[in-house]
C-alpha cells in the first residue's frame, strides 16, 4: 500500500491536541501526504467524518457556534504540525451519549442510538480493513440492523470481520473499490481544477468554503458509506495553505 496514504489512522496521528473531545465526535477516515497530488508539497492532511450524522444536516441547529469555516455540514480545522484542531466550540455538536451494553434496557433517542451505530460500524469496518488491507467490498443487507430500537445497536456490536467475510460477493462493489484512487479516494484533484470543473463538482453541497470571496482549494473526495452506518454520500476536503485551514464538507445526493 502507498506509504503516503493511511486508511483508518489513529486519533493521535490525526488530531493535534484535546484527543478526548476529538475522539468523542469524529471518525478518522484517511490521512495522506499532499505529495500524492503535488510532488513539491510534503505535508499531511486528513479526511474525517462525524459520529452524529443521522437525520438532517450536521450542525444545522448550532448557529450560535458557527465560525467562518464551521457551519451546517461544514467542519473547519486548524492545521498544526500536520494535524487537526477543530476550529469551533464543542457545543456545535449535540450528541455524545455512549451507550454501554448494560444500558440496552434504557430509553435513548434515535439520534443517540445512531451516534453509537456510526461508531460501532466504523470499528467493524476498521477491523475488516486491518485484516484484509482493503475496504469492505461485499453486499450486506441485515434486516436486524433496521429495527427502530436499541436492538439494532446490540446486533451490530456482535458482528465481526469474520461475519462480513461470509457476506454475498458483489461484482458492483468489487468494481467500485477497484476504481478508487489509492484504494480510497473517489477523486484526487491532482490537476488543481476549480471544483465546478471536476468529476465530483459538489453540486449538492449546501455551501463551499471561501476566504475573502476566494474558494479554498478543492483537494478530493471520498465516499462516506464505506466507513459508518449513516453517512454523507461524499465527503469533500478543501484546504488553504496560507491560512493553514482544512475544511470538510458533507454532500448528500
C-alpha atoms as a PDB file:
ATOM      1  CA  UNK A   1       0.000   0.000   0.000  1.00  0.00           C
ATOM      2  CA  UNK A   2       1.173   3.527  -0.753  1.00  0.00           C
ATOM      3  CA  UNK A   3       3.155   4.864   2.212  1.00  0.00           C
ATOM      4  CA  UNK A   4       1.676   8.302   1.552  1.00  0.00           C
ATOM      5  CA  UNK A   5      -1.828   7.059   2.433  1.00  0.00           C
ATOM      6  CA  UNK A   6      -3.034   5.776   5.794  1.00  0.00           C
ATOM      7  CA  UNK A   7      -6.574   4.389   5.937  1.00  0.00           C
ATOM      8  CA  UNK A   8      -8.263   4.265   9.351  1.00  0.00           C
ATOM      9  CA  UNK A   9      -5.464   6.220  11.060  1.00  0.00           C
ATOM     10  CA  UNK A  10      -5.200   6.556  14.826  1.00  0.00           C
ATOM     11  CA  UNK A  11      -6.729   9.585  16.512  1.00  0.00           C
ATOM     12  CA  UNK A  12      -3.333  10.624  17.842  1.00  0.00           C
ATOM     13  CA  UNK A  13      -1.995  10.787  14.278  1.00  0.00           C
ATOM     14  CA  UNK A  14      -4.866  12.983  13.077  1.00  0.00           C
ATOM     15  CA  UNK A  15      -5.600  15.439  15.882  1.00  0.00           C
ATOM     16  CA  UNK A  16      -3.093  17.808  17.425  1.00  0.00           C
ATOM     17  CA  UNK A  17      -4.463  18.017  20.975  1.00  0.00           C
ATOM     18  CA  UNK A  18      -7.584  17.512  23.091  1.00  0.00           C
ATOM     19  CA  UNK A  19      -7.745  13.948  21.813  1.00  0.00           C
ATOM     20  CA  UNK A  20     -10.586  13.098  24.194  1.00  0.00           C
ATOM     21  CA  UNK A  21     -13.036  15.549  22.631  1.00  0.00           C
ATOM     22  CA  UNK A  22     -11.930  14.881  19.062  1.00  0.00           C
ATOM     23  CA  UNK A  23     -12.439  11.162  19.721  1.00  0.00           C
ATOM     24  CA  UNK A  24     -15.890  11.874  21.145  1.00  0.00           C
ATOM     25  CA  UNK A  25     -17.204  13.457  17.943  1.00  0.00           C
ATOM     26  CA  UNK A  26     -15.042  12.472  14.954  1.00  0.00           C
ATOM     27  CA  UNK A  27     -14.182   9.384  12.916  1.00  0.00           C
ATOM     28  CA  UNK A  28     -10.714   9.451  11.270  1.00  0.00           C
ATOM     29  CA  UNK A  29     -11.041   8.021   7.786  1.00  0.00           C
ATOM     30  CA  UNK A  30      -7.831   8.720   5.927  1.00  0.00           C
ATOM     31  CA  UNK A  31      -4.514  10.542   6.285  1.00  0.00           C
ATOM     32  CA  UNK A  32      -2.467  11.337   3.213  1.00  0.00           C
ATOM     33  CA  UNK A  33       0.533  13.351   2.132  1.00  0.00           C
ATOM     34  CA  UNK A  34      -0.026  16.117  -0.398  1.00  0.00           C
ATOM     35  CA  UNK A  35       2.820  14.628  -2.426  1.00  0.00           C
ATOM     36  CA  UNK A  36       0.054  12.491  -3.924  1.00  0.00           C
ATOM     37  CA  UNK A  37      -1.109  15.489  -5.945  1.00  0.00           C
ATOM     38  CA  UNK A  38       1.948  17.749  -5.916  1.00  0.00           C
ATOM     39  CA  UNK A  39       5.479  16.384  -5.541  1.00  0.00           C
ATOM     40  CA  UNK A  40       6.680  19.749  -4.238  1.00  0.00           C
ATOM     41  CA  UNK A  41       4.462  19.579  -1.143  1.00  0.00           C
ATOM     42  CA  UNK A  42       5.311  17.456   1.866  1.00  0.00           C
ATOM     43  CA  UNK A  43       2.536  17.826   4.414  1.00  0.00           C
ATOM     44  CA  UNK A  44      -0.232  15.654   5.764  1.00  0.00           C
ATOM     45  CA  UNK A  45      -3.964  16.259   5.546  1.00  0.00           C
ATOM     46  CA  UNK A  46      -6.828  14.141   6.817  1.00  0.00           C
ATOM     47  CA  UNK A  47     -10.358  13.205   5.822  1.00  0.00           C
ATOM     48  CA  UNK A  48     -12.652  12.772   8.804  1.00  0.00           C
ATOM     49  CA  UNK A  49     -16.349  12.253   9.393  1.00  0.00           C
ATOM     50  CA  UNK A  50     -18.572  12.722  12.441  1.00  0.00           C
ATOM     51  CA  UNK A  51     -20.448  10.283  14.625  1.00  0.00           C
ATOM     52  CA  UNK A  52     -23.719  12.193  14.876  1.00  0.00           C
ATOM     53  CA  UNK A  53     -24.771  12.061  11.214  1.00  0.00           C
ATOM     54  CA  UNK A  54     -28.349  10.795  11.176  1.00  0.00           C
ATOM     55  CA  UNK A  55     -31.257  12.987  10.077  1.00  0.00           C
ATOM     56  CA  UNK A  56     -30.763  16.477   8.709  1.00  0.00           C
ATOM     57  CA  UNK A  57     -27.583  18.488   8.366  1.00  0.00           C
ATOM     58  CA  UNK A  58     -24.776  18.199  10.865  1.00  0.00           C
ATOM     59  CA  UNK A  59     -24.751  21.345  12.980  1.00  0.00           C
ATOM     60  CA  UNK A  60     -27.917  22.804  11.478  1.00  0.00           C
ATOM     61  CA  UNK A  61     -29.211  23.801  14.926  1.00  0.00           C
ATOM     62  CA  UNK A  62     -25.864  25.100  16.179  1.00  0.00           C
ATOM     63  CA  UNK A  63     -25.722  28.517  14.527  1.00  0.00           C
ATOM     64  CA  UNK A  64     -24.570  30.142  17.783  1.00  0.00           C
ATOM     65  CA  UNK A  65     -21.318  28.201  17.460  1.00  0.00           C
ATOM     66  CA  UNK A  66     -20.602  28.728  13.766  1.00  0.00           C
ATOM     67  CA  UNK A  67     -17.243  30.026  12.572  1.00  0.00           C
ATOM     68  CA  UNK A  68     -16.331  31.125   9.032  1.00  0.00           C
ATOM     69  CA  UNK A  69     -15.429  27.503   8.263  1.00  0.00           C
ATOM     70  CA  UNK A  70     -17.680  25.501  10.600  1.00  0.00           C
ATOM     71  CA  UNK A  71     -21.344  25.683   9.651  1.00  0.00           C
ATOM     72  CA  UNK A  72     -24.100  23.274   8.588  1.00  0.00           C
ATOM     73  CA  UNK A  73     -22.471  20.193   7.031  1.00  0.00           C
ATOM     74  CA  UNK A  74     -19.127  22.025   7.079  1.00  0.00           C
ATOM     75  CA  UNK A  75     -16.298  21.467   9.558  1.00  0.00           C
ATOM     76  CA  UNK A  76     -13.233  23.677   9.831  1.00  0.00           C
ATOM     77  CA  UNK A  77      -9.863  22.651  11.247  1.00  0.00           C
ATOM     78  CA  UNK A  78      -6.672  24.496  12.018  1.00  0.00           C
ATOM     79  CA  UNK A  79      -3.731  22.537  10.630  1.00  0.00           C
ATOM     80  CA  UNK A  80      -0.917  22.438  13.184  1.00  0.00           C
ATOM     81  CA  UNK A  81       2.209  20.385  12.512  1.00  0.00           C
ATOM     82  CA  UNK A  82       0.279  18.172  10.104  1.00  0.00           C
ATOM     83  CA  UNK A  83      -2.595  17.517  12.497  1.00  0.00           C
ATOM     84  CA  UNK A  84      -6.069  18.969  13.014  1.00  0.00           C
ATOM     85  CA  UNK A  85      -7.683  21.050  15.715  1.00  0.00           C
ATOM     86  CA  UNK A  86     -11.433  21.646  15.417  1.00  0.00           C
ATOM     87  CA  UNK A  87     -11.959  25.391  14.997  1.00  0.00           C
ATOM     88  CA  UNK A  88     -15.356  25.747  16.730  1.00  0.00           C
ATOM     89  CA  UNK A  89     -16.827  25.300  20.190  1.00  0.00           C
ATOM     90  CA  UNK A  90     -17.595  21.702  21.144  1.00  0.00           C
ATOM     91  CA  UNK A  91     -21.206  22.764  21.749  1.00  0.00           C
ATOM     92  CA  UNK A  92     -21.552  22.743  17.957  1.00  0.00           C
ATOM     93  CA  UNK A  93     -22.228  19.031  18.420  1.00  0.00           C
ATOM     94  CA  UNK A  94     -25.450  17.911  20.069  1.00  0.00           C
ATOM     95  CA  UNK A  95     -24.857  14.220  20.776  1.00  0.00           C
ATOM     96  CA  UNK A  96     -22.136  12.423  22.720  1.00  0.00           C
ATOM     97  CA  UNK A  97     -24.032   9.746  24.651  1.00  0.00           C
ATOM     98  CA  UNK A  98     -22.090   6.488  24.748  1.00  0.00           C
ATOM     99  CA  UNK A  99     -24.428   3.552  25.295  1.00  0.00           C
ATOM    100  CA  UNK A 100     -22.888   0.697  27.264  1.00  0.00           C
ATOM    101  CA  UNK A 101     -24.170  -2.882  26.847  1.00  0.00           C
ATOM    102  CA  UNK A 102     -25.618  -2.825  30.360  1.00  0.00           C
ATOM    103  CA  UNK A 103     -27.794   0.143  29.321  1.00  0.00           C
ATOM    104  CA  UNK A 104     -29.683  -1.555  26.485  1.00  0.00           C
ATOM    105  CA  UNK A 105     -32.812  -1.670  28.663  1.00  0.00           C
ATOM    106  CA  UNK A 106     -32.854   2.128  28.992  1.00  0.00           C
ATOM    107  CA  UNK A 107     -34.555   4.641  26.701  1.00  0.00           C
ATOM    108  CA  UNK A 108     -32.437   6.506  24.152  1.00  0.00           C
ATOM    109  CA  UNK A 109     -33.344   8.800  21.286  1.00  0.00           C
ATOM    110  CA  UNK A 110     -32.886   7.690  17.682  1.00  0.00           C
ATOM    111  CA  UNK A 111     -30.017  10.122  17.212  1.00  0.00           C
ATOM    112  CA  UNK A 112     -28.263   8.794  20.324  1.00  0.00           C
ATOM    113  CA  UNK A 113     -28.613   5.237  19.037  1.00  0.00           C
ATOM    114  CA  UNK A 114     -27.338   6.229  15.606  1.00  0.00           C
ATOM    115  CA  UNK A 115     -24.365   8.059  17.131  1.00  0.00           C
ATOM    116  CA  UNK A 116     -23.364   4.728  18.663  1.00  0.00           C
ATOM    117  CA  UNK A 117     -24.258   2.813  15.489  1.00  0.00           C
ATOM    118  CA  UNK A 118     -21.901   5.000  13.478  1.00  0.00           C
ATOM    119  CA  UNK A 119     -19.060   4.382  15.896  1.00  0.00           C
ATOM    120  CA  UNK A 120     -19.752   0.637  16.008  1.00  0.00           C
ATOM    121  CA  UNK A 121     -19.886   0.310  12.215  1.00  0.00           C
ATOM    122  CA  UNK A 122     -16.680   2.318  11.922  1.00  0.00           C
ATOM    123  CA  UNK A 123     -14.936  -0.054  14.343  1.00  0.00           C
ATOM    124  CA  UNK A 124     -16.245  -3.079  12.426  1.00  0.00           C
ATOM    125  CA  UNK A 125     -15.135  -1.734   9.039  1.00  0.00           C
ATOM    126  CA  UNK A 126     -11.764  -0.779  10.523  1.00  0.00           C
ATOM    127  CA  UNK A 127     -11.264  -4.298  11.887  1.00  0.00           C
ATOM    128  CA  UNK A 128     -12.166  -5.747   8.473  1.00  0.00           C
ATOM    129  CA  UNK A 129      -9.703  -3.407   6.763  1.00  0.00           C
ATOM    130  CA  UNK A 130      -6.911  -4.218   9.204  1.00  0.00           C
ATOM    131  CA  UNK A 131      -7.391  -7.916   8.495  1.00  0.00           C
ATOM    132  CA  UNK A 132      -7.724  -7.744   4.702  1.00  0.00           C
ATOM    133  CA  UNK A 133      -5.899  -4.479   3.892  1.00  0.00           C
ATOM    134  CA  UNK A 134      -8.779  -3.328   1.726  1.00  0.00           C
ATOM    135  CA  UNK A 135     -12.181  -1.740   2.207  1.00  0.00           C
ATOM    136  CA  UNK A 136     -15.213  -3.992   2.629  1.00  0.00           C
ATOM    137  CA  UNK A 137     -16.453  -4.900  -0.870  1.00  0.00           C
ATOM    138  CA  UNK A 138     -19.351  -7.313  -0.416  1.00  0.00           C
ATOM    139  CA  UNK A 139     -23.140  -6.993  -0.384  1.00  0.00           C
ATOM    140  CA  UNK A 140     -24.786  -6.913   3.010  1.00  0.00           C
ATOM    141  CA  UNK A 141     -28.383  -6.385   3.956  1.00  0.00           C
ATOM    142  CA  UNK A 142     -29.121  -7.210   7.554  1.00  0.00           C
ATOM    143  CA  UNK A 143     -32.742  -6.646   8.482  1.00  0.00           C
ATOM    144  CA  UNK A 144     -31.795  -6.847  12.135  1.00  0.00           C
ATOM    145  CA  UNK A 145     -29.917  -3.564  11.793  1.00  0.00           C
ATOM    146  CA  UNK A 146     -33.015  -1.746  10.554  1.00  0.00           C
ATOM    147  CA  UNK A 147     -35.295  -2.253  13.552  1.00  0.00           C
ATOM    148  CA  UNK A 148     -36.366   1.003  15.141  1.00  0.00           C
ATOM    149  CA  UNK A 149     -34.977   0.446  18.625  1.00  0.00           C
ATOM    150  CA  UNK A 150     -31.825  -0.307  20.602  1.00  0.00           C
ATOM    151  CA  UNK A 151     -31.676  -3.892  19.317  1.00  0.00           C
ATOM    152  CA  UNK A 152     -30.038  -2.696  16.107  1.00  0.00           C
ATOM    153  CA  UNK A 153     -27.045  -1.422  18.078  1.00  0.00           C
ATOM    154  CA  UNK A 154     -26.800  -4.588  20.136  1.00  0.00           C
ATOM    155  CA  UNK A 155     -26.807  -6.715  16.962  1.00  0.00           C
ATOM    156  CA  UNK A 156     -24.258  -4.560  15.175  1.00  0.00           C
ATOM    157  CA  UNK A 157     -21.824  -4.771  18.058  1.00  0.00           C
ATOM    158  CA  UNK A 158     -21.944  -8.568  17.899  1.00  0.00           C
ATOM    159  CA  UNK A 159     -20.724  -8.649  14.289  1.00  0.00           C
ATOM    160  CA  UNK A 160     -17.091  -9.479  13.494  1.00  0.00           C
ATOM    161  CA  UNK A 161     -14.898  -9.262  10.383  1.00  0.00           C
ATOM    162  CA  UNK A 162     -15.453 -12.997  10.026  1.00  0.00           C
ATOM    163  CA  UNK A 163     -19.194 -12.367   9.716  1.00  0.00           C
ATOM    164  CA  UNK A 164     -18.539  -9.844   6.945  1.00  0.00           C
ATOM    165  CA  UNK A 165     -16.380 -12.369   5.118  1.00  0.00           C
ATOM    166  CA  UNK A 166     -19.465 -14.583   4.748  1.00  0.00           C
ATOM    167  CA  UNK A 167     -21.489 -11.863   3.020  1.00  0.00           C
ATOM    168  CA  UNK A 168     -22.548 -12.237  -0.596  1.00  0.00           C
ATOM    169  CA  UNK A 169     -19.966 -11.282  -3.208  1.00  0.00           C
ATOM    170  CA  UNK A 170     -20.843  -8.154  -5.153  1.00  0.00           C
ATOM    171  CA  UNK A 171     -19.411  -7.511  -8.605  1.00  0.00           C
ATOM    172  CA  UNK A 172     -20.578  -3.909  -8.354  1.00  0.00           C
ATOM    173  CA  UNK A 173     -18.810  -3.345  -5.032  1.00  0.00           C
ATOM    174  CA  UNK A 174     -15.643  -5.031  -6.272  1.00  0.00           C
ATOM    175  CA  UNK A 175     -15.557  -2.845  -9.397  1.00  0.00           C
ATOM    176  CA  UNK A 176     -16.333   0.251  -7.346  1.00  0.00           C
ATOM    177  CA  UNK A 177     -13.468  -0.428  -4.964  1.00  0.00           C
ATOM    178  CA  UNK A 178     -11.092  -1.277  -7.808  1.00  0.00           C
ATOM    179  CA  UNK A 179     -11.770   2.138  -9.338  1.00  0.00           C
ATOM    180  CA  UNK A 180     -10.837   4.002  -6.159  1.00  0.00           C
ATOM    181  CA  UNK A 181      -7.618   6.010  -6.272  1.00  0.00           C
ATOM    182  CA  UNK A 182      -5.065   4.605  -3.808  1.00  0.00           C
ATOM    183  CA  UNK A 183      -7.779   2.271  -2.555  1.00  0.00           C
ATOM    184  CA  UNK A 184      -9.938   5.003  -1.021  1.00  0.00           C
ATOM    185  CA  UNK A 185     -10.416   8.231  -2.999  1.00  0.00           C
ATOM    186  CA  UNK A 186     -13.226   8.748  -5.483  1.00  0.00           C
ATOM    187  CA  UNK A 187     -11.310  11.763  -6.751  1.00  0.00           C
ATOM    188  CA  UNK A 188      -7.978  13.489  -6.124  1.00  0.00           C
ATOM    189  CA  UNK A 189      -7.648  16.903  -7.705  1.00  0.00           C
ATOM    190  CA  UNK A 190      -4.081  16.466  -8.965  1.00  0.00           C
ATOM    191  CA  UNK A 191      -4.753  18.832 -11.871  1.00  0.00           C
ATOM    192  CA  UNK A 192      -5.768  21.564  -9.410  1.00  0.00           C
ATOM    193  CA  UNK A 193      -9.010  22.327 -11.215  1.00  0.00           C
ATOM    194  CA  UNK A 194     -11.709  24.504  -9.756  1.00  0.00           C
ATOM    195  CA  UNK A 195     -14.384  22.406  -8.090  1.00  0.00           C
ATOM    196  CA  UNK A 196     -17.008  23.029 -10.767  1.00  0.00           C
ATOM    197  CA  UNK A 197     -14.730  21.535 -13.450  1.00  0.00           C
ATOM    198  CA  UNK A 198     -14.102  18.296 -11.552  1.00  0.00           C
ATOM    199  CA  UNK A 199     -15.921  14.986 -11.931  1.00  0.00           C
ATOM    200  CA  UNK A 200     -17.234  15.440  -8.398  1.00  0.00           C
ATOM    201  CA  UNK A 201     -18.259  19.070  -8.626  1.00  0.00           C
ATOM    202  CA  UNK A 202     -20.010  19.470  -5.293  1.00  0.00           C
ATOM    203  CA  UNK A 203     -23.277  20.476  -6.945  1.00  0.00           C
ATOM    204  CA  UNK A 204     -25.242  19.303  -3.899  1.00  0.00           C
ATOM    205  CA  UNK A 205     -23.087  20.935  -1.233  1.00  0.00           C
ATOM    206  CA  UNK A 206     -25.044  23.363   0.946  1.00  0.00           C
ATOM    207  CA  UNK A 207     -22.125  25.777   0.858  1.00  0.00           C
ATOM    208  CA  UNK A 208     -18.491  25.787  -0.183  1.00  0.00           C
ATOM    209  CA  UNK A 209     -15.668  27.222   1.920  1.00  0.00           C
ATOM    210  CA  UNK A 210     -14.166  30.525   0.839  1.00  0.00           C
ATOM    211  CA  UNK A 211     -11.972  33.252   2.308  1.00  0.00           C
ATOM    212  CA  UNK A 212     -12.462  36.870   1.271  1.00  0.00           C
ATOM    213  CA  UNK A 213     -14.577  35.644  -1.626  1.00  0.00           C
ATOM    214  CA  UNK A 214     -11.929  33.215  -2.894  1.00  0.00           C
ATOM    215  CA  UNK A 215     -12.810  29.489  -2.773  1.00  0.00           C
ATOM    216  CA  UNK A 216     -10.485  27.235  -0.848  1.00  0.00           C
ATOM    217  CA  UNK A 217      -8.583  24.720  -2.965  1.00  0.00           C
ATOM    218  CA  UNK A 218     -10.537  21.518  -3.577  1.00  0.00           C
ATOM    219  CA  UNK A 219      -8.340  18.523  -2.720  1.00  0.00           C
ATOM    220  CA  UNK A 220     -10.546  15.472  -3.259  1.00  0.00           C
ATOM    221  CA  UNK A 221     -13.487  13.412  -2.042  1.00  0.00           C
ATOM    222  CA  UNK A 222     -14.272  10.047  -0.509  1.00  0.00           C
ATOM    223  CA  UNK A 223     -17.480   8.022  -0.344  1.00  0.00           C
ATOM    224  CA  UNK A 224     -18.880   8.149   3.180  1.00  0.00           C
ATOM    225  CA  UNK A 225     -20.773   4.875   3.460  1.00  0.00           C
ATOM    226  CA  UNK A 226     -17.584   2.819   3.393  1.00  0.00           C
ATOM    227  CA  UNK A 227     -16.994   3.849   6.991  1.00  0.00           C
ATOM    228  CA  UNK A 228     -20.166   4.244   9.040  1.00  0.00           C
ATOM    229  CA  UNK A 229     -23.829   3.305   9.292  1.00  0.00           C
ATOM    230  CA  UNK A 230     -25.357   6.688   8.441  1.00  0.00           C
ATOM    231  CA  UNK A 231     -23.230   8.960   6.324  1.00  0.00           C
ATOM    232  CA  UNK A 232     -22.951  11.648   3.733  1.00  0.00           C
ATOM    233  CA  UNK A 233     -22.756  10.219   0.235  1.00  0.00           C
ATOM    234  CA  UNK A 234     -19.480  12.044  -0.311  1.00  0.00           C
ATOM    235  CA  UNK A 235     -17.030  13.767   1.994  1.00  0.00           C
ATOM    236  CA  UNK A 236     -15.134  16.648   0.383  1.00  0.00           C
ATOM    237  CA  UNK A 237     -11.827  18.094   1.569  1.00  0.00           C
ATOM    238  CA  UNK A 238     -10.749  21.687   0.941  1.00  0.00           C
ATOM    239  CA  UNK A 239      -7.517  23.371   2.013  1.00  0.00           C
ATOM    240  CA  UNK A 240      -5.937  26.813   2.232  1.00  0.00           C
ATOM    241  CA  UNK A 241      -2.204  26.501   2.717  1.00  0.00           C
ATOM    242  CA  UNK A 242      -1.688  30.139   3.689  1.00  0.00           C
ATOM    243  CA  UNK A 243      -4.429  30.064   6.314  1.00  0.00           C
ATOM    244  CA  UNK A 244      -3.407  26.572   7.463  1.00  0.00           C
ATOM    245  CA  UNK A 245      -7.088  25.711   7.311  1.00  0.00           C
ATOM    246  CA  UNK A 246      -8.657  22.406   6.219  1.00  0.00           C
ATOM    247  CA  UNK A 247     -12.410  22.149   5.681  1.00  0.00           C
ATOM    248  CA  UNK A 248     -14.591  19.043   5.421  1.00  0.00           C
ATOM    249  CA  UNK A 249     -17.963  19.302   3.632  1.00  0.00           C
ATOM    250  CA  UNK A 250     -20.708  16.676   3.505  1.00  0.00           C
ATOM    251  CA  UNK A 251     -22.723  16.087   0.337  1.00  0.00           C
ATOM    252  CA  UNK A 252     -25.996  14.158   0.092  1.00  0.00           C
ATOM    253  CA  UNK A 253     -27.330  13.154  -3.320  1.00  0.00           C
END
